[in-house]
Amino acid sequence: MREITVNNILNLIKQMRVECGFSQADAAKAANISTSFYGMIERGNRTLSVEQLIEIIKIFDCNFTDFLEMLEMSEKQ
């Protein structure tokens, strides 16, 4: 297994958002954060805490364990 990087996490968040048909504004509103902050998170311009990550992936109907499994699967491709 390769190393999990912040960039890989952010790419998966964006992929999940796009697959769910959410705009950044939709995702930000659902996660109760500002649209600009959400955009900065996806671009890697802001630090994302584990708590914020969990709140964001919840809006895509995903739990942390499933997210980590998806991340691991994406690393193998």
PDB file of N, CA and C in Angstrom:
ATOM      1  N   MET A   1       0.848  -1.184   0.000  1.00  0.00           N
ATOM      2  CA  MET A   1       0.000   0.000   0.000  1.00  0.00           C
ATOM      3  C   MET A   1       0.887   1.240   0.000  1.00  0.00           C
ATOM      4  N   ARG A   2       0.525   2.183  -0.867  1.00  0.00           N
ATOM      5  CA  ARG A   2       1.262   3.436  -0.905  1.00  0.00           C
ATOM      6  C   ARG A   2       0.829   4.326   0.244  1.00  0.00           C
ATOM      7  N   GLU A   3       1.608   5.356   0.469  1.00  0.00           N
ATOM      8  CA  GLU A   3       1.328   6.322   1.519  1.00  0.00           C
ATOM      9  C   GLU A   3       0.068   7.125   1.195  1.00  0.00           C
ATOM     10  N   ILE A   4      -0.789   7.322   2.198  1.00  0.00           N
ATOM     11  CA  ILE A   4      -1.963   8.171   2.043  1.00  0.00           C
ATOM     12  C   ILE A   4      -1.515   9.607   2.234  1.00  0.00           C
ATOM     13  N   THR A   5      -1.823  10.439   1.260  1.00  0.00           N
ATOM     14  CA  THR A   5      -1.415  11.836   1.325  1.00  0.00           C
ATOM     15  C   THR A   5      -2.636  12.739   1.467  1.00  0.00           C
ATOM     16  N   VAL A   6      -2.392  13.942   1.911  1.00  0.00           N
ATOM     17  CA  VAL A   6      -3.465  14.933   2.013  1.00  0.00           C
ATOM     18  C   VAL A   6      -4.081  15.157   0.646  1.00  0.00           C
ATOM     19  N   ASN A   7      -3.251  15.221  -0.369  1.00  0.00           N
ATOM     20  CA  ASN A   7      -3.751  15.431  -1.721  1.00  0.00           C
ATOM     21  C   ASN A   7      -4.711  14.322  -2.140  1.00  0.00           C
ATOM     22  N   ASN A   8      -4.405  13.078  -1.790  1.00  0.00           N
ATOM     23  CA  ASN A   8      -5.281  11.958  -2.122  1.00  0.00           C
ATOM     24  C   ASN A   8      -6.623  12.079  -1.393  1.00  0.00           C
ATOM     25  N   ILE A   9      -6.581  12.515  -0.146  1.00  0.00           N
ATOM     26  CA  ILE A   9      -7.805  12.710   0.628  1.00  0.00           C
ATOM     27  C   ILE A   9      -8.666  13.791  -0.021  1.00  0.00           C
ATOM     28  N   LEU A  10      -8.038  14.907  -0.380  1.00  0.00           N
ATOM     29  CA  LEU A  10      -8.781  16.014  -0.977  1.00  0.00           C
ATOM     30  C   LEU A  10      -9.348  15.632  -2.339  1.00  0.00           C
ATOM     31  N   ASN A  11      -8.593  14.869  -3.112  1.00  0.00           N
ATOM     32  CA  ASN A  11      -9.098  14.407  -4.407  1.00  0.00           C
ATOM     33  C   ASN A  11     -10.320  13.514  -4.235  1.00  0.00           C
ATOM     34  N   LEU A  12     -10.308  12.657  -3.221  1.00  0.00           N
ATOM     35  CA  LEU A  12     -11.445  11.776  -2.980  1.00  0.00           C
ATOM     36  C   LEU A  12     -12.657  12.572  -2.515  1.00  0.00           C
ATOM     37  N   ILE A  13     -12.454  13.582  -1.690  1.00  0.00           N
ATOM     38  CA  ILE A  13     -13.565  14.438  -1.271  1.00  0.00           C
ATOM     39  C   ILE A  13     -14.203  15.091  -2.488  1.00  0.00           C
ATOM     40  N   LYS A  14     -13.373  15.631  -3.365  1.00  0.00           N
ATOM     41  CA  LYS A  14     -13.898  16.276  -4.566  1.00  0.00           C
ATOM     42  C   LYS A  14     -14.623  15.274  -5.444  1.00  0.00           C
ATOM     43  N   GLN A  15     -14.051  14.110  -5.619  1.00  0.00           N
ATOM     44  CA  GLN A  15     -14.673  13.058  -6.428  1.00  0.00           C
ATOM     45  C   GLN A  15     -16.043  12.690  -5.868  1.00  0.00           C
ATOM     46  N   MET A  16     -16.137  12.536  -4.557  1.00  0.00           N
ATOM     47  CA  MET A  16     -17.410  12.194  -3.930  1.00  0.00           C
ATOM     48  C   MET A  16     -18.435  13.309  -4.154  1.00  0.00           C
ATOM     49  N   ARG A  17     -18.000  14.546  -4.017  1.00  0.00           N
ATOM     50  CA  ARG A  17     -18.902  15.684  -4.209  1.00  0.00           C
ATOM     51  C   ARG A  17     -19.444  15.702  -5.625  1.00  0.00           C
ATOM     52  N   VAL A  18     -18.565  15.532  -6.592  1.00  0.00           N
ATOM     53  CA  VAL A  18     -18.970  15.559  -7.999  1.00  0.00           C
ATOM     54  C   VAL A  18     -19.918  14.397  -8.300  1.00  0.00           C
ATOM     55  N   GLU A  19     -19.584  13.210  -7.806  1.00  0.00           N
ATOM     56  CA  GLU A  19     -20.433  12.038  -8.053  1.00  0.00           C
ATOM     57  C   GLU A  19     -21.819  12.192  -7.441  1.00  0.00           C
ATOM     58  N   CYS A  20     -21.910  12.946  -6.346  1.00  0.00           N
ATOM     59  CA  CYS A  20     -23.213  13.192  -5.703  1.00  0.00           C
ATOM     60  C   CYS A  20     -23.965  14.339  -6.378  1.00  0.00           C
ATOM     61  N   GLY A  21     -23.318  15.010  -7.322  1.00  0.00           N
ATOM     62  CA  GLY A  21     -23.953  16.104  -8.029  1.00  0.00           C
ATOM     63  C   GLY A  21     -24.034  17.391  -7.232  1.00  0.00           C
ATOM     64  N   PHE A  22     -23.172  17.535  -6.230  1.00  0.00           N
ATOM     65  CA  PHE A  22     -23.153  18.729  -5.392  1.00  0.00           C
ATOM     66  C   PHE A  22     -22.185  19.755  -5.963  1.00  0.00           C
ATOM     67  N   SER A  23     -22.573  21.004  -5.879  1.00  0.00           N
ATOM     68  CA  SER A  23     -21.622  22.085  -6.128  1.00  0.00           C
ATOM     69  C   SER A  23     -20.821  22.281  -4.841  1.00  0.00           C
ATOM     70  N   GLN A  24     -19.767  23.073  -4.913  1.00  0.00           N
ATOM     71  CA  GLN A  24     -19.041  23.382  -3.678  1.00  0.00           C
ATOM     72  C   GLN A  24     -19.957  24.118  -2.708  1.00  0.00           C
ATOM     73  N   ALA A  25     -20.821  24.980  -3.229  1.00  0.00           N
ATOM     74  CA  ALA A  25     -21.751  25.720  -2.362  1.00  0.00           C
ATOM     75  C   ALA A  25     -22.725  24.769  -1.672  1.00  0.00           C
ATOM     76  N   ASP A  26     -23.230  23.770  -2.411  1.00  0.00           N
ATOM     77  CA  ASP A  26     -24.131  22.778  -1.816  1.00  0.00           C
ATOM     78  C   ASP A  26     -23.439  22.016  -0.687  1.00  0.00           C
ATOM     79  N   ALA A  27     -22.222  21.573  -0.969  1.00  0.00           N
ATOM     80  CA  ALA A  27     -21.465  20.809   0.022  1.00  0.00           C
ATOM     81  C   ALA A  27     -21.147  21.656   1.243  1.00  0.00           C
ATOM     82  N   ALA A  28     -20.756  22.885   1.008  1.00  0.00           N
ATOM     83  CA  ALA A  28     -20.424  23.785   2.118  1.00  0.00           C
ATOM     84  C   ALA A  28     -21.635  24.020   3.004  1.00  0.00           C
ATOM     85  N   LYS A  29     -22.769  24.267   2.387  1.00  0.00           N
ATOM     86  CA  LYS A  29     -23.993  24.504   3.161  1.00  0.00           C
ATOM     87  C   LYS A  29     -24.360  23.278   3.987  1.00  0.00           C
ATOM     88  N   ALA A  30     -24.284  22.099   3.374  1.00  0.00           N
ATOM     89  CA  ALA A  30     -24.614  20.862   4.082  1.00  0.00           C
ATOM     90  C   ALA A  30     -23.646  20.584   5.232  1.00  0.00           C
ATOM     91  N   ALA A  31     -22.376  20.980   5.067  1.00  0.00           N
ATOM     92  CA  ALA A  31     -21.361  20.765   6.103  1.00  0.00           C
ATOM     93  C   ALA A  31     -21.305  21.915   7.103  1.00  0.00           C
ATOM     94  N   ASN A  32     -22.147  22.928   6.870  1.00  0.00           N
ATOM     95  CA  ASN A  32     -22.229  24.081   7.772  1.00  0.00           C
ATOM     96  C   ASN A  32     -20.910  24.864   7.841  1.00  0.00           C
ATOM     97  N   ILE A  33     -20.292  25.035   6.667  1.00  0.00           N
ATOM     98  CA  ILE A  33     -19.094  25.866   6.551  1.00  0.00           C
ATOM     99  C   ILE A  33     -19.293  26.808   5.365  1.00  0.00           C
ATOM    100  N   SER A  34     -18.475  27.834   5.275  1.00  0.00           N
ATOM    101  CA  SER A  34     -18.626  28.787   4.177  1.00  0.00           C
ATOM    102  C   SER A  34     -18.158  28.163   2.864  1.00  0.00           C
ATOM    103  N   THR A  35     -18.730  28.654   1.791  1.00  0.00           N
ATOM    104  CA  THR A  35     -18.356  28.173   0.467  1.00  0.00           C
ATOM    105  C   THR A  35     -16.880  28.438   0.183  1.00  0.00           C
ATOM    106  N   SER A  36     -16.405  29.608   0.579  1.00  0.00           N
ATOM    107  CA  SER A  36     -14.998  29.931   0.318  1.00  0.00           C
ATOM    108  C   SER A  36     -14.074  28.988   1.101  1.00  0.00           C
ATOM    109  N   PHE A  37     -14.429  28.691   2.341  1.00  0.00           N
ATOM    110  CA  PHE A  37     -13.622  27.767   3.135  1.00  0.00           C
ATOM    111  C   PHE A  37     -13.633  26.377   2.514  1.00  0.00           C
ATOM    112  N   TYR A  38     -14.798  25.941   2.065  1.00  0.00           N
ATOM    113  CA  TYR A  38     -14.886  24.621   1.434  1.00  0.00           C
ATOM    114  C   TYR A  38     -14.007  24.570   0.188  1.00  0.00           C
ATOM    115  N   GLY A  39     -14.066  25.615  -0.622  1.00  0.00           N
ATOM    116  CA  GLY A  39     -13.234  25.667  -1.822  1.00  0.00           C
ATOM    117  C   GLY A  39     -11.754  25.615  -1.488  1.00  0.00           C
ATOM    118  N   MET A  40     -11.372  26.335  -0.451  1.00  0.00           N
ATOM    119  CA  MET A  40      -9.963  26.324  -0.033  1.00  0.00           C
ATOM    120  C   MET A  40      -9.549  24.937   0.441  1.00  0.00           C
ATOM    121  N   ILE A  41     -10.459  24.222   1.089  1.00  0.00           N
ATOM    122  CA  ILE A  41     -10.168  22.855   1.535  1.00  0.00           C
ATOM    123  C   ILE A  41      -9.882  21.981   0.315  1.00  0.00           C
ATOM    124  N   GLU A  42     -10.772  22.005  -0.675  1.00  0.00           N
ATOM    125  CA  GLU A  42     -10.589  21.158  -1.860  1.00  0.00           C
ATOM    126  C   GLU A  42      -9.306  21.492  -2.614  1.00  0.00           C
ATOM    127  N   ARG A  43      -8.920  22.761  -2.613  1.00  0.00           N
ATOM    128  CA  ARG A  43      -7.688  23.160  -3.307  1.00  0.00           C
ATOM    129  C   ARG A  43      -6.437  22.914  -2.467  1.00  0.00           C
ATOM    130  N   GLY A  44      -6.626  22.535  -1.216  1.00  0.00           N
ATOM    131  CA  GLY A  44      -5.487  22.279  -0.346  1.00  0.00           C
ATOM    132  C   GLY A  44      -4.895  23.534   0.256  1.00  0.00           C
ATOM    133  N   ASN A  45      -5.658  24.631   0.227  1.00  0.00           N
ATOM    134  CA  ASN A  45      -5.176  25.895   0.775  1.00  0.00           C
ATOM    135  C   ASN A  45      -5.491  26.075   2.250  1.00  0.00           C
ATOM    136  N   ARG A  46      -6.269  25.194   2.810  1.00  0.00           N
ATOM    137  CA  ARG A  46      -6.623  25.263   4.227  1.00  0.00           C
ATOM    138  C   ARG A  46      -6.425  23.904   4.859  1.00  0.00           C
ATOM    139  N   THR A  47      -6.051  23.921   6.097  1.00  0.00           N
ATOM    140  CA  THR A  47      -5.885  22.688   6.847  1.00  0.00           C
ATOM    141  C   THR A  47      -7.256  22.140   7.211  1.00  0.00           C
ATOM    142  N   LEU A  48      -7.406  20.854   7.094  1.00  0.00           N
ATOM    143  CA  LEU A  48      -8.662  20.176   7.381  1.00  0.00           C
ATOM    144  C   LEU A  48      -8.454  19.277   8.590  1.00  0.00           C
ATOM    145  N   SER A  49      -9.231  19.514   9.639  1.00  0.00           N
ATOM    146  CA  SER A  49      -9.130  18.654  10.822  1.00  0.00           C
ATOM    147  C   SER A  49      -9.870  17.343  10.563  1.00  0.00           C
ATOM    148  N   VAL A  50      -9.578  16.349  11.360  1.00  0.00           N
ATOM    149  CA  VAL A  50     -10.274  15.069  11.235  1.00  0.00           C
ATOM    150  C   VAL A  50     -11.769  15.274  11.471  1.00  0.00           C
ATOM    151  N   GLU A  51     -12.112  16.115  12.416  1.00  0.00           N
ATOM    152  CA  GLU A  51     -13.524  16.382  12.703  1.00  0.00           C
ATOM    153  C   GLU A  51     -14.207  17.001  11.493  1.00  0.00           C
ATOM    154  N   GLN A  52     -13.545  17.947  10.835  1.00  0.00           N
ATOM    155  CA  GLN A  52     -14.123  18.571   9.643  1.00  0.00           C
ATOM    156  C   GLN A  52     -14.245  17.553   8.511  1.00  0.00           C
ATOM    157  N   LEU A  53     -13.243  16.706   8.376  1.00  0.00           N
ATOM    158  CA  LEU A  53     -13.293  15.663   7.358  1.00  0.00           C
ATOM    159  C   LEU A  53     -14.499  14.762   7.585  1.00  0.00           C
ATOM    160  N   ILE A  54     -14.706  14.352   8.814  1.00  0.00           N
ATOM    161  CA  ILE A  54     -15.840  13.478   9.133  1.00  0.00           C
ATOM    162  C   ILE A  54     -17.159  14.166   8.814  1.00  0.00           C
ATOM    163  N   GLU A  55     -17.278  15.447   9.158  1.00  0.00           N
ATOM    164  CA  GLU A  55     -18.508  16.191   8.860  1.00  0.00           C
ATOM    165  C   GLU A  55     -18.733  16.298   7.358  1.00  0.00           C
ATOM    166  N   ILE A  56     -17.675  16.501   6.602  1.00  0.00           N
ATOM    167  CA  ILE A  56     -17.811  16.622   5.150  1.00  0.00           C
ATOM    168  C   ILE A  56     -18.214  15.287   4.536  1.00  0.00           C
ATOM    169  N   ILE A  57     -17.566  14.200   4.917  1.00  0.00           N
ATOM    170  CA  ILE A  57     -17.917  12.923   4.283  1.00  0.00           C
ATOM    171  C   ILE A  57     -19.306  12.449   4.690  1.00  0.00           C
ATOM    172  N   LYS A  58     -19.799  12.892   5.839  1.00  0.00           N
ATOM    173  CA  LYS A  58     -21.169  12.543   6.244  1.00  0.00           C
ATOM    174  C   LYS A  58     -22.190  13.066   5.241  1.00  0.00           C
ATOM    175  N   ILE A  59     -21.940  14.233   4.662  1.00  0.00           N
ATOM    176  CA  ILE A  59     -22.916  14.797   3.734  1.00  0.00           C
ATOM    177  C   ILE A  59     -23.016  13.971   2.458  1.00  0.00           C
ATOM    178  N   PHE A  60     -22.025  13.134   2.200  1.00  0.00           N
ATOM    179  CA  PHE A  60     -22.043  12.244   1.046  1.00  0.00           C
ATOM    180  C   PHE A  60     -22.515  10.845   1.448  1.00  0.00           C
ATOM    181  N   ASP A  61     -23.142  10.774   2.630  1.00  0.00           N
ATOM    182  CA  ASP A  61     -23.704   9.522   3.152  1.00  0.00           C
ATOM    183  C   ASP A  61     -22.622   8.449   3.280  1.00  0.00           C
ATOM    184  N   CYS A  62     -21.505   8.852   3.859  1.00  0.00           N
ATOM    185  CA  CYS A  62     -20.345   7.978   4.008  1.00  0.00           C
ATOM    186  C   CYS A  62     -19.824   8.092   5.440  1.00  0.00           C
ATOM    187  N   ASN A  63     -19.386   6.980   6.002  1.00  0.00           N
ATOM    188  CA  ASN A  63     -18.764   7.051   7.324  1.00  0.00           C
ATOM    189  C   ASN A  63     -17.246   6.994   7.162  1.00  0.00           C
ATOM    190  N   PHE A  64     -16.547   7.271   8.243  1.00  0.00           N
ATOM    191  CA  PHE A  64     -15.094   7.394   8.190  1.00  0.00           C
ATOM    192  C   PHE A  64     -14.427   6.081   7.776  1.00  0.00           C
ATOM    193  N   THR A  65     -14.924   4.966   8.268  1.00  0.00           N
ATOM    194  CA  THR A  65     -14.347   3.665   7.919  1.00  0.00           C
ATOM    195  C   THR A  65     -14.479   3.405   6.418  1.00  0.00           C
ATOM    196  N   ASP A  66     -15.671   3.662   5.877  1.00  0.00           N
ATOM    197  CA  ASP A  66     -15.873   3.468   4.445  1.00  0.00           C
ATOM    198  C   ASP A  66     -14.997   4.418   3.633  1.00  0.00           C
ATOM    199  N   PHE A  67     -14.858   5.649   4.119  1.00  0.00           N
ATOM    200  CA  PHE A  67     -14.008   6.617   3.436  1.00  0.00           C
ATOM    201  C   PHE A  67     -12.566   6.111   3.362  1.00  0.00           C
ATOM    202  N   LEU A  68     -12.059   5.601   4.476  1.00  0.00           N
ATOM    203  CA  LEU A  68     -10.687   5.083   4.488  1.00  0.00           C
ATOM    204  C   LEU A  68     -10.539   3.898   3.543  1.00  0.00           C
ATOM    205  N   GLU A  69     -11.554   3.047   3.472  1.00  0.00           N
ATOM    206  CA  GLU A  69     -11.507   1.913   2.548  1.00  0.00           C
ATOM    207  C   GLU A  69     -11.506   2.402   1.102  1.00  0.00           C
ATOM    208  N   MET A  70     -12.324   3.402   0.802  1.00  0.00           N
ATOM    209  CA  MET A  70     -12.351   3.970  -0.541  1.00  0.00           C
ATOM    210  C   MET A  70     -11.006   4.600  -0.881  1.00  0.00           C
ATOM    211  N   LEU A  71     -10.419   5.259   0.092  1.00  0.00           N
ATOM    212  CA  LEU A  71      -9.119   5.889  -0.102  1.00  0.00           C
ATOM    213  C   LEU A  71      -8.061   4.834  -0.391  1.00  0.00           C
ATOM    214  N   GLU A  72      -8.095   3.763   0.354  1.00  0.00           N
ATOM    215  CA  GLU A  72      -7.146   2.677   0.135  1.00  0.00           C
ATOM    216  C   GLU A  72      -7.331   2.051  -1.246  1.00  0.00           C
ATOM    217  N   MET A  73      -8.585   1.852  -1.652  1.00  0.00           N
ATOM    218  CA  MET A  73      -8.849   1.295  -2.967  1.00  0.00           C
ATOM    219  C   MET A  73      -8.355   2.209  -4.079  1.00  0.00           C
ATOM    220  N   SER A  74      -8.524   3.517  -3.897  1.00  0.00           N
ATOM    221  CA  SER A  74      -8.059   4.469  -4.905  1.00  0.00           C
ATOM    222  C   SER A  74      -6.545   4.491  -4.983  1.00  0.00           C
ATOM    223  N   GLU A  75      -5.894   4.180  -3.885  1.00  0.00           N
ATOM    224  CA  GLU A  75      -4.425   4.142  -3.852  1.00  0.00           C
ATOM    225  C   GLU A  75      -3.895   2.955  -4.656  1.00  0.00           C
ATOM    226  N   LYS A  76      -4.665   1.885  -4.743  1.00  0.00           N
ATOM    227  CA  LYS A  76      -4.214   0.676  -5.434  1.00  0.00           C
ATOM    228  C   LYS A  76      -4.352   0.797  -6.938  1.00  0.00           C
ATOM    229  N   GLN A  77      -5.107   1.766  -7.396  1.00  0.00           N
ATOM    230  CA  GLN A  77      -5.346   1.904  -8.848  1.00  0.00           C
ATOM    231  C   GLN A  77      -4.220   2.650  -9.512  1.00  0.00           C
TER     232      GLN A  77
END
